[in-house]
Amino acid sequence: MRELATLIFSCCLGAAAAAQAQKPVPVGEIRGKDSALIQGQQRAEFAYQQLQQAQYDRKLAEQDYVNTQDAYRSAQQRADDLKRQADATKKALDAAKIREAAARKAYEKELDAVDRLPRSPTP
């Protein structure tokens, strides 16, 4: 037990001697190191805030992109539907024009037939 106490005492003396042998650090250096540390921490905090803002902006841009893609798909589907509707109405218009031409031809034929009929003298 006595040997352990002697060992501990020797270690304490060695540590004390080592501490005294070190050159004391001037207060200005401590403040300079603290100032540099504080400035470094402030720059790191600012950089972290910029990172958070960039992540937030990216999330907003991703959501805008997804919304735009959805709107485009919806618009494309609507455009496809309108194209089919326009094609169908174009066919209906063409058919109506053909029927009108046929009706006009039949009408003119009947008018010519009436014109060829003999006329009776008017009293």
PDB file of N, CA and C in Angstrom:
ATOM      1  N   MET A   1       0.816  -1.170   0.000  1.00  0.00           N
ATOM      2  CA  MET A   1       0.000   0.000   0.000  1.00  0.00           C
ATOM      3  C   MET A   1       0.873   1.252   0.000  1.00  0.00           C
ATOM      4  N   ARG A   2       1.933   1.174   0.756  1.00  0.00           N
ATOM      5  CA  ARG A   2       2.839   2.296   0.829  1.00  0.00           C
ATOM      6  C   ARG A   2       3.516   2.526  -0.512  1.00  0.00           C
ATOM      7  N   GLU A   3       3.788   1.486  -1.228  1.00  0.00           N
ATOM      8  CA  GLU A   3       4.416   1.613  -2.538  1.00  0.00           C
ATOM      9  C   GLU A   3       3.468   2.300  -3.535  1.00  0.00           C
ATOM     10  N   LEU A   4       2.212   1.999  -3.429  1.00  0.00           N
ATOM     11  CA  LEU A   4       1.206   2.632  -4.309  1.00  0.00           C
ATOM     12  C   LEU A   4       1.118   4.120  -4.027  1.00  0.00           C
ATOM     13  N   ALA A   5       1.136   4.487  -2.773  1.00  0.00           N
ATOM     14  CA  ALA A   5       1.078   5.891  -2.396  1.00  0.00           C
ATOM     15  C   ALA A   5       2.310   6.614  -2.895  1.00  0.00           C
ATOM     16  N   THR A   6       3.456   5.975  -2.814  1.00  0.00           N
ATOM     17  CA  THR A   6       4.696   6.580  -3.291  1.00  0.00           C
ATOM     18  C   THR A   6       4.632   6.757  -4.810  1.00  0.00           C
ATOM     19  N   LEU A   7       4.123   5.803  -5.497  1.00  0.00           N
ATOM     20  CA  LEU A   7       4.001   5.886  -6.955  1.00  0.00           C
ATOM     21  C   LEU A   7       3.077   7.029  -7.357  1.00  0.00           C
ATOM     22  N   ILE A   8       1.964   7.157  -6.703  1.00  0.00           N
ATOM     23  CA  ILE A   8       1.001   8.229  -7.013  1.00  0.00           C
ATOM     24  C   ILE A   8       1.637   9.584  -6.727  1.00  0.00           C
ATOM     25  N   PHE A   9       2.342   9.683  -5.582  1.00  0.00           N
ATOM     26  CA  PHE A   9       2.992  10.945  -5.226  1.00  0.00           C
ATOM     27  C   PHE A   9       4.035  11.321  -6.269  1.00  0.00           C
ATOM     28  N   SER A  10       4.779  10.340  -6.747  1.00  0.00           N
ATOM     29  CA  SER A  10       5.811  10.600  -7.756  1.00  0.00           C
ATOM     30  C   SER A  10       5.182  11.079  -9.064  1.00  0.00           C
ATOM     31  N   CYS A  11       4.087  10.489  -9.441  1.00  0.00           N
ATOM     32  CA  CYS A  11       3.391  10.899 -10.672  1.00  0.00           C
ATOM     33  C   CYS A  11       2.894  12.332 -10.546  1.00  0.00           C
ATOM     34  N   CYS A  12       2.366  12.678  -9.381  1.00  0.00           N
ATOM     35  CA  CYS A  12       1.872  14.045  -9.169  1.00  0.00           C
ATOM     36  C   CYS A  12       3.009  15.047  -9.246  1.00  0.00           C
ATOM     37  N   LEU A  13       4.146  14.700  -8.636  1.00  0.00           N
ATOM     38  CA  LEU A  13       5.300  15.594  -8.697  1.00  0.00           C
ATOM     39  C   LEU A  13       5.782  15.756 -10.136  1.00  0.00           C
ATOM     40  N   GLY A  14       5.802  14.673 -10.889  1.00  0.00           N
ATOM     41  CA  GLY A  14       6.229  14.733 -12.291  1.00  0.00           C
ATOM     42  C   GLY A  14       5.289  15.599 -13.127  1.00  0.00           C
ATOM     43  N   ALA A  15       4.028  15.472 -12.877  1.00  0.00           N
ATOM     44  CA  ALA A  15       3.051  16.276 -13.616  1.00  0.00           C
ATOM     45  C   ALA A  15       3.193  17.738 -13.253  1.00  0.00           C
ATOM     46  N   ALA A  16       3.409  18.032 -11.975  1.00  0.00           N
ATOM     47  CA  ALA A  16       3.576  19.413 -11.537  1.00  0.00           C
ATOM     48  C   ALA A  16       4.831  20.008 -12.140  1.00  0.00           C
ATOM     49  N   ALA A  17       5.898  19.248 -12.186  1.00  0.00           N
ATOM     50  CA  ALA A  17       7.155  19.739 -12.759  1.00  0.00           C
ATOM     51  C   ALA A  17       6.993  19.985 -14.249  1.00  0.00           C
ATOM     52  N   ALA A  18       6.293  19.104 -14.934  1.00  0.00           N
ATOM     53  CA  ALA A  18       6.071  19.276 -16.370  1.00  0.00           C
ATOM     54  C   ALA A  18       5.229  20.523 -16.631  1.00  0.00           C
ATOM     55  N   ALA A  19       4.243  20.774 -15.775  1.00  0.00           N
ATOM     56  CA  ALA A  19       3.389  21.950 -15.939  1.00  0.00           C
ATOM     57  C   ALA A  19       4.186  23.224 -15.718  1.00  0.00           C
ATOM     58  N   GLN A  20       5.085  23.212 -14.742  1.00  0.00           N
ATOM     59  CA  GLN A  20       5.890  24.408 -14.487  1.00  0.00           C
ATOM     60  C   GLN A  20       6.923  24.613 -15.585  1.00  0.00           C
ATOM     61  N   ALA A  21       7.394  23.535 -16.190  1.00  0.00           N
ATOM     62  CA  ALA A  21       8.409  23.645 -17.224  1.00  0.00           C
ATOM     63  C   ALA A  21       7.845  24.225 -18.513  1.00  0.00           C
ATOM     64  N   GLN A  22       6.549  24.084 -18.710  1.00  0.00           N
ATOM     65  CA  GLN A  22       5.947  24.629 -19.919  1.00  0.00           C
ATOM     66  C   GLN A  22       5.932  26.143 -19.863  1.00  0.00           C
ATOM     67  N   LYS A  23       6.094  26.724 -21.011  1.00  0.00           N
ATOM     68  CA  LYS A  23       6.097  28.170 -21.121  1.00  0.00           C
ATOM     69  C   LYS A  23       4.665  28.668 -20.948  1.00  0.00           C
ATOM     70  N   PRO A  24       4.426  29.660 -20.132  1.00  0.00           N
ATOM     71  CA  PRO A  24       3.068  30.160 -19.954  1.00  0.00           C
ATOM     72  C   PRO A  24       2.562  30.827 -21.243  1.00  0.00           C
ATOM     73  N   VAL A  25       1.283  30.629 -21.535  1.00  0.00           N
ATOM     74  CA  VAL A  25       0.665  31.185 -22.743  1.00  0.00           C
ATOM     75  C   VAL A  25       0.139  32.570 -22.406  1.00  0.00           C
ATOM     76  N   PRO A  26       0.565  33.587 -23.159  1.00  0.00           N
ATOM     77  CA  PRO A  26       0.068  34.931 -22.894  1.00  0.00           C
ATOM     78  C   PRO A  26      -1.447  35.004 -23.096  1.00  0.00           C
ATOM     79  N   VAL A  27      -2.093  35.899 -22.357  1.00  0.00           N
ATOM     80  CA  VAL A  27      -3.550  36.051 -22.412  1.00  0.00           C
ATOM     81  C   VAL A  27      -3.996  36.449 -23.814  1.00  0.00           C
ATOM     82  N   GLY A  28      -3.216  37.247 -24.494  1.00  0.00           N
ATOM     83  CA  GLY A  28      -3.552  37.674 -25.857  1.00  0.00           C
ATOM     84  C   GLY A  28      -3.657  36.495 -26.809  1.00  0.00           C
ATOM     85  N   GLU A  29      -2.767  35.516 -26.649  1.00  0.00           N
ATOM     86  CA  GLU A  29      -2.818  34.329 -27.497  1.00  0.00           C
ATOM     87  C   GLU A  29      -4.070  33.515 -27.219  1.00  0.00           C
ATOM     88  N   ILE A  30      -4.416  33.430 -25.954  1.00  0.00           N
ATOM     89  CA  ILE A  30      -5.632  32.685 -25.599  1.00  0.00           C
ATOM     90  C   ILE A  30      -6.840  33.354 -26.234  1.00  0.00           C
ATOM     91  N   ARG A  31      -6.890  34.686 -26.102  1.00  0.00           N
ATOM     92  CA  ARG A  31      -8.011  35.419 -26.702  1.00  0.00           C
ATOM     93  C   ARG A  31      -7.995  35.266 -28.221  1.00  0.00           C
ATOM     94  N   GLY A  32      -6.829  35.289 -28.842  1.00  0.00           N
ATOM     95  CA  GLY A  32      -6.709  35.122 -30.284  1.00  0.00           C
ATOM     96  C   GLY A  32      -7.188  33.751 -30.727  1.00  0.00           C
ATOM     97  N   LYS A  33      -6.795  32.738 -29.942  1.00  0.00           N
ATOM     98  CA  LYS A  33      -7.255  31.381 -30.269  1.00  0.00           C
ATOM     99  C   LYS A  33      -8.751  31.261 -30.066  1.00  0.00           C
ATOM    100  N   ASP A  34      -9.253  31.871 -28.988  1.00  0.00           N
ATOM    101  CA  ASP A  34     -10.700  31.847 -28.744  1.00  0.00           C
ATOM    102  C   ASP A  34     -11.436  32.591 -29.855  1.00  0.00           C
ATOM    103  N   SER A  35     -10.889  33.714 -30.268  1.00  0.00           N
ATOM    104  CA  SER A  35     -11.506  34.500 -31.329  1.00  0.00           C
ATOM    105  C   SER A  35     -11.523  33.707 -32.633  1.00  0.00           C
ATOM    106  N   ALA A  36     -10.393  33.070 -32.934  1.00  0.00           N
ATOM    107  CA  ALA A  36     -10.338  32.259 -34.152  1.00  0.00           C
ATOM    108  C   ALA A  36     -11.326  31.104 -34.075  1.00  0.00           C
ATOM    109  N   LEU A  37     -11.433  30.513 -32.896  1.00  0.00           N
ATOM    110  CA  LEU A  37     -12.372  29.408 -32.700  1.00  0.00           C
ATOM    111  C   LEU A  37     -13.803  29.897 -32.888  1.00  0.00           C
ATOM    112  N   ILE A  38     -14.104  31.043 -32.296  1.00  0.00           N
ATOM    113  CA  ILE A  38     -15.463  31.593 -32.412  1.00  0.00           C
ATOM    114  C   ILE A  38     -15.773  31.938 -33.862  1.00  0.00           C
ATOM    115  N   GLN A  39     -14.813  32.560 -34.554  1.00  0.00           N
ATOM    116  CA  GLN A  39     -15.028  32.899 -35.967  1.00  0.00           C
ATOM    117  C   GLN A  39     -15.210  31.636 -36.808  1.00  0.00           C
ATOM    118  N   GLY A  40     -14.421  30.628 -36.531  1.00  0.00           N
ATOM    119  CA  GLY A  40     -14.572  29.362 -37.252  1.00  0.00           C
ATOM    120  C   GLY A  40     -15.933  28.739 -37.012  1.00  0.00           C
ATOM    121  N   GLN A  41     -16.384  28.799 -35.752  1.00  0.00           N
ATOM    122  CA  GLN A  41     -17.708  28.257 -35.434  1.00  0.00           C
ATOM    123  C   GLN A  41     -18.800  29.060 -36.133  1.00  0.00           C
ATOM    124  N   GLN A  42     -18.634  30.367 -36.190  1.00  0.00           N
ATOM    125  CA  GLN A  42     -19.633  31.204 -36.867  1.00  0.00           C
ATOM    126  C   GLN A  42     -19.677  30.905 -38.361  1.00  0.00           C
ATOM    127  N   ARG A  43     -18.503  30.722 -38.971  1.00  0.00           N
ATOM    128  CA  ARG A  43     -18.472  30.385 -40.400  1.00  0.00           C
ATOM    129  C   ARG A  43     -19.112  29.022 -40.652  1.00  0.00           C
ATOM    130  N   ALA A  44     -18.822  28.081 -39.746  1.00  0.00           N
ATOM    131  CA  ALA A  44     -19.419  26.750 -39.888  1.00  0.00           C
ATOM    132  C   ALA A  44     -20.935  26.817 -39.727  1.00  0.00           C
ATOM    133  N   GLU A  45     -21.406  27.628 -38.782  1.00  0.00           N
ATOM    134  CA  GLU A  45     -22.847  27.779 -38.567  1.00  0.00           C
ATOM    135  C   GLU A  45     -23.499  28.417 -39.796  1.00  0.00           C
ATOM    136  N   PHE A  46     -22.844  29.434 -40.372  1.00  0.00           N
ATOM    137  CA  PHE A  46     -23.364  30.085 -41.581  1.00  0.00           C
ATOM    138  C   PHE A  46     -23.410  29.101 -42.743  1.00  0.00           C
ATOM    139  N   ALA A  47     -22.344  28.314 -42.883  1.00  0.00           N
ATOM    140  CA  ALA A  47     -22.304  27.314 -43.959  1.00  0.00           C
ATOM    141  C   ALA A  47     -23.405  26.281 -43.765  1.00  0.00           C
ATOM    142  N   TYR A  48     -23.675  25.904 -42.518  1.00  0.00           N
ATOM    143  CA  TYR A  48     -24.731  24.934 -42.233  1.00  0.00           C
ATOM    144  C   TYR A  48     -26.097  25.521 -42.574  1.00  0.00           C
ATOM    145  N   GLN A  49     -26.298  26.799 -42.263  1.00  0.00           N
ATOM    146  CA  GLN A  49     -27.563  27.453 -42.612  1.00  0.00           C
ATOM    147  C   GLN A  49     -27.742  27.505 -44.130  1.00  0.00           C
ATOM    148  N   GLN A  50     -26.649  27.762 -44.832  1.00  0.00           N
ATOM    149  CA  GLN A  50     -26.720  27.763 -46.295  1.00  0.00           C
ATOM    150  C   GLN A  50     -27.044  26.371 -46.818  1.00  0.00           C
ATOM    151  N   LEU A  51     -26.473  25.351 -46.200  1.00  0.00           N
ATOM    152  CA  LEU A  51     -26.773  23.966 -46.590  1.00  0.00           C
ATOM    153  C   LEU A  51     -28.251  23.672 -46.371  1.00  0.00           C
ATOM    154  N   GLN A  52     -28.780  24.079 -45.205  1.00  0.00           N
ATOM    155  CA  GLN A  52     -30.201  23.841 -44.933  1.00  0.00           C
ATOM    156  C   GLN A  52     -31.082  24.571 -45.933  1.00  0.00           C
ATOM    157  N   GLN A  53     -30.712  25.815 -46.272  1.00  0.00           N
ATOM    158  CA  GLN A  53     -31.496  26.576 -47.251  1.00  0.00           C
ATOM    159  C   GLN A  53     -31.445  25.907 -48.619  1.00  0.00           C
ATOM    160  N   ALA A  54     -30.256  25.435 -48.996  1.00  0.00           N
ATOM    161  CA  ALA A  54     -30.109  24.761 -50.291  1.00  0.00           C
ATOM    162  C   ALA A  54     -30.935  23.479 -50.327  1.00  0.00           C
ATOM    163  N   GLN A  55     -30.967  22.742 -49.219  1.00  0.00           N
ATOM    164  CA  GLN A  55     -31.771  21.514 -49.156  1.00  0.00           C
ATOM    165  C   GLN A  55     -33.252  21.859 -49.262  1.00  0.00           C
ATOM    166  N   TYR A  56     -33.680  22.924 -48.591  1.00  0.00           N
ATOM    167  CA  TYR A  56     -35.074  23.349 -48.650  1.00  0.00           C
ATOM    168  C   TYR A  56     -35.432  23.765 -50.080  1.00  0.00           C
ATOM    169  N   ASP A  57     -34.539  24.554 -50.712  1.00  0.00           N
ATOM    170  CA  ASP A  57     -34.778  24.984 -52.094  1.00  0.00           C
ATOM    171  C   ASP A  57     -34.859  23.783 -53.034  1.00  0.00           C
ATOM    172  N   ARG A  58     -34.002  22.778 -52.820  1.00  0.00           N
ATOM    173  CA  ARG A  58     -34.031  21.581 -53.655  1.00  0.00           C
ATOM    174  C   ARG A  58     -35.362  20.851 -53.487  1.00  0.00           C
ATOM    175  N   LYS A  59     -35.834  20.748 -52.247  1.00  0.00           N
ATOM    176  CA  LYS A  59     -37.115  20.070 -52.020  1.00  0.00           C
ATOM    177  C   LYS A  59     -38.253  20.805 -52.717  1.00  0.00           C
ATOM    178  N   LEU A  60     -38.232  22.143 -52.644  1.00  0.00           N
ATOM    179  CA  LEU A  60     -39.264  22.918 -53.346  1.00  0.00           C
ATOM    180  C   LEU A  60     -39.176  22.710 -54.851  1.00  0.00           C
ATOM    181  N   ALA A  61     -37.948  22.710 -55.372  1.00  0.00           N
ATOM    182  CA  ALA A  61     -37.763  22.504 -56.813  1.00  0.00           C
ATOM    183  C   ALA A  61     -38.223  21.113 -57.224  1.00  0.00           C
ATOM    184  N   GLU A  62     -37.950  20.115 -56.399  1.00  0.00           N
ATOM    185  CA  GLU A  62     -38.416  18.756 -56.705  1.00  0.00           C
ATOM    186  C   GLU A  62     -39.935  18.710 -56.747  1.00  0.00           C
ATOM    187  N   GLN A  63     -40.584  19.356 -55.771  1.00  0.00           N
ATOM    188  CA  GLN A  63     -42.048  19.362 -55.736  1.00  0.00           C
ATOM    189  C   GLN A  63     -42.606  20.100 -56.940  1.00  0.00           C
ATOM    190  N   ASP A  64     -41.996  21.219 -57.304  1.00  0.00           N
ATOM    191  CA  ASP A  64     -42.427  21.956 -58.502  1.00  0.00           C
ATOM    192  C   ASP A  64     -42.292  21.085 -59.746  1.00  0.00           C
ATOM    193  N   TYR A  65     -41.183  20.347 -59.823  1.00  0.00           N
ATOM    194  CA  TYR A  65     -40.951  19.474 -60.971  1.00  0.00           C
ATOM    195  C   TYR A  65     -42.011  18.379 -61.046  1.00  0.00           C
ATOM    196  N   VAL A  66     -42.298  17.762 -59.911  1.00  0.00           N
ATOM    197  CA  VAL A  66     -43.308  16.698 -59.877  1.00  0.00           C
ATOM    198  C   VAL A  66     -44.674  17.267 -60.263  1.00  0.00           C
ATOM    199  N   ASN A  67     -45.013  18.432 -59.721  1.00  0.00           N
ATOM    200  CA  ASN A  67     -46.301  19.056 -60.051  1.00  0.00           C
ATOM    201  C   ASN A  67     -46.385  19.404 -61.533  1.00  0.00           C
ATOM    202  N   THR A  68     -45.288  19.913 -62.071  1.00  0.00           N
ATOM    203  CA  THR A  68     -45.269  20.260 -63.492  1.00  0.00           C
ATOM    204  C   THR A  68     -45.395  19.027 -64.369  1.00  0.00           C
ATOM    205  N   GLN A  69     -44.711  17.955 -63.979  1.00  0.00           N
ATOM    206  CA  GLN A  69     -44.840  16.696 -64.738  1.00  0.00           C
ATOM    207  C   GLN A  69     -46.281  16.208 -64.719  1.00  0.00           C
ATOM    208  N   ASP A  70     -46.918  16.254 -63.548  1.00  0.00           N
ATOM    209  CA  ASP A  70     -48.313  15.824 -63.443  1.00  0.00           C
ATOM    210  C   ASP A  70     -49.221  16.685 -64.315  1.00  0.00           C
ATOM    211  N   ALA A  71     -48.987  18.001 -64.265  1.00  0.00           N
ATOM    212  CA  ALA A  71     -49.799  18.913 -65.078  1.00  0.00           C
ATOM    213  C   ALA A  71     -49.573  18.646 -66.564  1.00  0.00           C
ATOM    214  N   TYR A  72     -48.332  18.374 -66.941  1.00  0.00           N
ATOM    215  CA  TYR A  72     -48.030  18.084 -68.347  1.00  0.00           C
ATOM    216  C   TYR A  72     -48.732  16.808 -68.794  1.00  0.00           C
ATOM    217  N   ARG A  73     -48.652  15.769 -67.969  1.00  0.00           N
ATOM    218  CA  ARG A  73     -49.330  14.510 -68.327  1.00  0.00           C
ATOM    219  C   ARG A  73     -50.829  14.725 -68.474  1.00  0.00           C
ATOM    220  N   SER A  74     -51.389  15.482 -67.549  1.00  0.00           N
ATOM    221  CA  SER A  74     -52.821  15.767 -67.601  1.00  0.00           C
ATOM    222  C   SER A  74     -53.160  16.568 -68.863  1.00  0.00           C
ATOM    223  N   ALA A  75     -52.339  17.575 -69.153  1.00  0.00           N
ATOM    224  CA  ALA A  75     -52.572  18.385 -70.349  1.00  0.00           C
ATOM    225  C   ALA A  75     -52.404  17.546 -71.618  1.00  0.00           C
ATOM    226  N   GLN A  76     -51.417  16.665 -71.606  1.00  0.00           N
ATOM    227  CA  GLN A  76     -51.193  15.803 -72.762  1.00  0.00           C
ATOM    228  C   GLN A  76     -52.388  14.877 -72.984  1.00  0.00           C
ATOM    229  N   GLN A  77     -52.913  14.325 -71.881  1.00  0.00           N
ATOM    230  CA  GLN A  77     -54.086  13.446 -71.990  1.00  0.00           C
ATOM    231  C   GLN A  77     -55.283  14.245 -72.500  1.00  0.00           C
ATOM    232  N   ARG A  78     -55.455  15.469 -71.986  1.00  0.00           N
ATOM    233  CA  ARG A  78     -56.553  16.322 -72.436  1.00  0.00           C
ATOM    234  C   ARG A  78     -56.375  16.661 -73.920  1.00  0.00           C
ATOM    235  N   ALA A  79     -55.139  16.947 -74.326  1.00  0.00           N
ATOM    236  CA  ALA A  79     -54.861  17.255 -75.733  1.00  0.00           C
ATOM    237  C   ALA A  79     -55.157  16.042 -76.611  1.00  0.00           C
ATOM    238  N   ASP A  80     -54.805  14.849 -76.150  1.00  0.00           N
ATOM    239  CA  ASP A  80     -55.106  13.636 -76.913  1.00  0.00           C
ATOM    240  C   ASP A  80     -56.606  13.447 -77.059  1.00  0.00           C
ATOM    241  N   ASP A  81     -57.343  13.695 -75.963  1.00  0.00           N
ATOM    242  CA  ASP A  81     -58.797  13.584 -76.015  1.00  0.00           C
ATOM    243  C   ASP A  81     -59.383  14.600 -77.001  1.00  0.00           C
ATOM    244  N   LEU A  82     -58.876  15.840 -76.947  1.00  0.00           N
ATOM    245  CA  LEU A  82     -59.363  16.870 -77.869  1.00  0.00           C
ATOM    246  C   LEU A  82     -59.020  16.533 -79.314  1.00  0.00           C
ATOM    247  N   LYS A  83     -57.862  15.943 -79.539  1.00  0.00           N
ATOM    248  CA  LYS A  83     -57.467  15.546 -80.902  1.00  0.00           C
ATOM    249  C   LYS A  83     -58.431  14.490 -81.435  1.00  0.00           C
ATOM    250  N   ARG A  84     -58.753  13.503 -80.601  1.00  0.00           N
ATOM    251  CA  ARG A  84     -59.720  12.485 -81.031  1.00  0.00           C
ATOM    252  C   ARG A  84     -61.077  13.118 -81.317  1.00  0.00           C
ATOM    253  N   GLN A  85     -61.485  14.046 -80.462  1.00  0.00           N
ATOM    254  CA  GLN A  85     -62.763  14.723 -80.664  1.00  0.00           C
ATOM    255  C   GLN A  85     -62.731  15.562 -81.946  1.00  0.00           C
ATOM    256  N   ALA A  86     -61.625  16.257 -82.177  1.00  0.00           N
ATOM    257  CA  ALA A  86     -61.499  17.065 -83.399  1.00  0.00           C
ATOM    258  C   ALA A  86     -61.522  16.176 -84.632  1.00  0.00           C
ATOM    259  N   ASP A  87     -60.851  15.031 -84.582  1.00  0.00           N
ATOM    260  CA  ASP A  87     -60.872  14.102 -85.718  1.00  0.00           C
ATOM    261  C   ASP A  87     -62.290  13.608 -85.991  1.00  0.00           C
ATOM    262  N   ALA A  88     -63.013  13.281 -84.920  1.00  0.00           N
ATOM    263  CA  ALA A  88     -64.388  12.792 -85.079  1.00  0.00           C
ATOM    264  C   ALA A  88     -65.291  13.882 -85.656  1.00  0.00           C
ATOM    265  N   THR A  89     -65.152  15.113 -85.177  1.00  0.00           N
ATOM    266  CA  THR A  89     -66.001  16.188 -85.702  1.00  0.00           C
ATOM    267  C   THR A  89     -65.614  16.545 -87.134  1.00  0.00           C
ATOM    268  N   LYS A  90     -64.340  16.383 -87.477  1.00  0.00           N
ATOM    269  CA  LYS A  90     -63.907  16.610 -88.861  1.00  0.00           C
ATOM    270  C   LYS A  90     -64.556  15.588 -89.787  1.00  0.00           C
ATOM    271  N   LYS A  91     -64.613  14.337 -89.352  1.00  0.00           N
ATOM    272  CA  LYS A  91     -65.275  13.306 -90.152  1.00  0.00           C
ATOM    273  C   LYS A  91     -66.759  13.620 -90.307  1.00  0.00           C
ATOM    274  N   ALA A  92     -67.366  14.073 -89.208  1.00  0.00           N
ATOM    275  CA  ALA A  92     -68.789  14.432 -89.276  1.00  0.00           C
ATOM    276  C   ALA A  92     -68.998  15.609 -90.220  1.00  0.00           C
ATOM    277  N   LEU A  93     -68.104  16.602 -90.195  1.00  0.00           N
ATOM    278  CA  LEU A  93     -68.190  17.747 -91.102  1.00  0.00           C
ATOM    279  C   LEU A  93     -68.038  17.297 -92.549  1.00  0.00           C
ATOM    280  N   ASP A  94     -67.049  16.455 -92.810  1.00  0.00           N
ATOM    281  CA  ASP A  94     -66.851  15.957 -94.177  1.00  0.00           C
ATOM    282  C   ASP A  94     -68.088  15.206 -94.669  1.00  0.00           C
ATOM    283  N   ALA A  95     -68.673  14.386 -93.796  1.00  0.00           N
ATOM    284  CA  ALA A  95     -69.884  13.643 -94.180  1.00  0.00           C
ATOM    285  C   ALA A  95     -71.040  14.598 -94.446  1.00  0.00           C
ATOM    286  N   ALA A  96     -71.163  15.648 -93.627  1.00  0.00           N
ATOM    287  CA  ALA A  96     -72.237  16.628 -93.831  1.00  0.00           C
ATOM    288  C   ALA A  96     -72.040  17.378 -95.148  1.00  0.00           C
ATOM    289  N   LYS A  97     -70.786  17.701 -95.475  1.00  0.00           N
ATOM    290  CA  LYS A  97     -70.504  18.377 -96.746  1.00  0.00           C
ATOM    291  C   LYS A  97     -70.867  17.481 -97.922  1.00  0.00           C
ATOM    292  N   ILE A  98     -70.570  16.191 -97.810  1.00  0.00           N
ATOM    293  CA  ILE A  98     -70.903  15.237 -98.874  1.00  0.00           C
ATOM    294  C   ILE A  98     -72.417  15.140 -99.034  1.00  0.00           C
ATOM    295  N   ARG A  99     -73.151  15.084 -97.886  1.00  0.00           N
ATOM    296  CA  ARG A  99     -74.625  15.031 -97.952  1.00  0.00           C
ATOM    297  C   ARG A  99     -75.192  16.316 -98.546  1.00  0.00           C
ATOM    298  N   GLU A 100     -74.592  17.457 -98.180  1.00  0.00           N
ATOM    299  CA  GLU A 100     -75.058  18.737 -98.729  1.00  0.00           C
ATOM    300  C   GLU A 100     -74.829  18.779-100.243  1.00  0.00           C
ATOM    301  N   ALA A 101     -73.674  18.332-100.681  1.00  0.00           N
ATOM    302  CA  ALA A 101     -73.382  18.330-102.123  1.00  0.00           C
ATOM    303  C   ALA A 101     -74.358  17.409-102.854  1.00  0.00           C
ATOM    304  N   ALA A 102     -74.637  16.259-102.259  1.00  0.00           N
ATOM    305  CA  ALA A 102     -75.585  15.328-102.891  1.00  0.00           C
ATOM    306  C   ALA A 102     -76.979  15.937-102.923  1.00  0.00           C
ATOM    307  N   ALA A 103     -77.378  16.599-101.833  1.00  0.00           N
ATOM    308  CA  ALA A 103     -78.709  17.229-101.790  1.00  0.00           C
ATOM    309  C   ALA A 103     -78.787  18.371-102.794  1.00  0.00           C
ATOM    310  N   ARG A 104     -77.691  19.155-102.902  1.00  0.00           N
ATOM    311  CA  ARG A 104     -77.675  20.254-103.877  1.00  0.00           C
ATOM    312  C   ARG A 104     -77.796  19.701-105.295  1.00  0.00           C
ATOM    313  N   LYS A 105     -77.078  18.619-105.565  1.00  0.00           N
ATOM    314  CA  LYS A 105     -77.118  18.004-106.891  1.00  0.00           C
ATOM    315  C   LYS A 105     -78.531  17.503-107.190  1.00  0.00           C
ATOM    316  N   ALA A 106     -79.162  16.862-106.205  1.00  0.00           N
ATOM    317  CA  ALA A 106     -80.536  16.359-106.401  1.00  0.00           C
ATOM    318  C   ALA A 106     -81.501  17.526-106.614  1.00  0.00           C
ATOM    319  N   TYR A 107     -81.333  18.610-105.875  1.00  0.00           N
ATOM    320  CA  TYR A 107     -82.186  19.794-106.010  1.00  0.00           C
ATOM    321  C   TYR A 107     -82.037  20.399-107.398  1.00  0.00           C
ATOM    322  N   GLU A 108     -80.786  20.566-107.826  1.00  0.00           N
ATOM    323  CA  GLU A 108     -80.568  21.140-109.158  1.00  0.00           C
ATOM    324  C   GLU A 108     -81.127  20.229-110.261  1.00  0.00           C
ATOM    325  N   LYS A 109     -81.031  18.937-110.052  1.00  0.00           N
ATOM    326  CA  LYS A 109     -81.587  17.984-111.022  1.00  0.00           C
ATOM    327  C   LYS A 109     -83.090  18.158-111.097  1.00  0.00           C
ATOM    328  N   GLU A 110     -83.726  18.314-109.934  1.00  0.00           N
ATOM    329  CA  GLU A 110     -85.188  18.484-109.928  1.00  0.00           C
ATOM    330  C   GLU A 110     -85.575  19.829-110.545  1.00  0.00           C
ATOM    331  N   LEU A 111     -84.785  20.875-110.289  1.00  0.00           N
ATOM    332  CA  LEU A 111     -85.076  22.175-110.910  1.00  0.00           C
ATOM    333  C   LEU A 111     -84.959  22.079-112.433  1.00  0.00           C
ATOM    334  N   ASP A 112     -83.937  21.406-112.911  1.00  0.00           N
ATOM    335  CA  ASP A 112     -83.784  21.223-114.364  1.00  0.00           C
ATOM    336  C   ASP A 112     -84.961  20.438-114.928  1.00  0.00           C
ATOM    337  N   ALA A 113     -85.396  19.437-114.186  1.00  0.00           N
ATOM    338  CA  ALA A 113     -86.538  18.648-114.653  1.00  0.00           C
ATOM    339  C   ALA A 113     -87.783  19.516-114.730  1.00  0.00           C
ATOM    340  N   VAL A 114     -87.961  20.402-113.767  1.00  0.00           N
ATOM    341  CA  VAL A 114     -89.122  21.296-113.789  1.00  0.00           C
ATOM    342  C   VAL A 114     -88.991  22.256-114.967  1.00  0.00           C
ATOM    343  N   ASP A 115     -87.794  22.753-115.197  1.00  0.00           N
ATOM    344  CA  ASP A 115     -87.581  23.683-116.305  1.00  0.00           C
ATOM    345  C   ASP A 115     -87.857  23.010-117.656  1.00  0.00           C
ATOM    346  N   ARG A 116     -87.684  21.729-117.781  1.00  0.00           N
ATOM    347  CA  ARG A 116     -87.902  21.034-119.048  1.00  0.00           C
ATOM    348  C   ARG A 116     -89.370  20.666-119.280  1.00  0.00           C
ATOM    349  N   LEU A 117     -90.147  20.789-118.279  1.00  0.00           N
ATOM    350  CA  LEU A 117     -91.562  20.480-118.462  1.00  0.00           C
ATOM    351  C   LEU A 117     -92.207  21.504-119.413  1.00  0.00           C
ATOM    352  N   PRO A 118     -93.160  21.017-120.218  1.00  0.00           N
ATOM    353  CA  PRO A 118     -93.824  21.950-121.121  1.00  0.00           C
ATOM    354  C   PRO A 118     -94.662  22.936-120.321  1.00  0.00           C
ATOM    355  N   ARG A 119     -94.662  24.116-120.786  1.00  0.00           N
ATOM    356  CA  ARG A 119     -95.427  25.166-120.113  1.00  0.00           C
ATOM    357  C   ARG A 119     -96.751  25.363-120.847  1.00  0.00           C
ATOM    358  N   SER A 120     -97.734  25.539-120.105  1.00  0.00           N
ATOM    359  CA  SER A 120     -99.018  25.814-120.751  1.00  0.00           C
ATOM    360  C   SER A 120     -99.184  27.324-120.900  1.00  0.00           C
ATOM    361  N   PRO A 121     -99.867  27.706-121.989  1.00  0.00           N
ATOM    362  CA  PRO A 121    -100.031  29.148-122.184  1.00  0.00           C
ATOM    363  C   PRO A 121    -100.876  29.745-121.083  1.00  0.00           C
ATOM    364  N   THR A 122    -100.511  30.892-120.697  1.00  0.00           N
ATOM    365  CA  THR A 122    -101.243  31.576-119.649  1.00  0.00           C
ATOM    366  C   THR A 122    -102.444  32.276-120.242  1.00  0.00           C
ATOM    367  N   PRO A 123    -103.611  32.148-119.686  1.00  0.00           N
ATOM    368  CA  PRO A 123    -104.807  32.800-120.261  1.00  0.00           C
ATOM    369  C   PRO A 123    -104.874  34.254-120.071  1.00  0.00           C
TER     370      PRO A 123
END
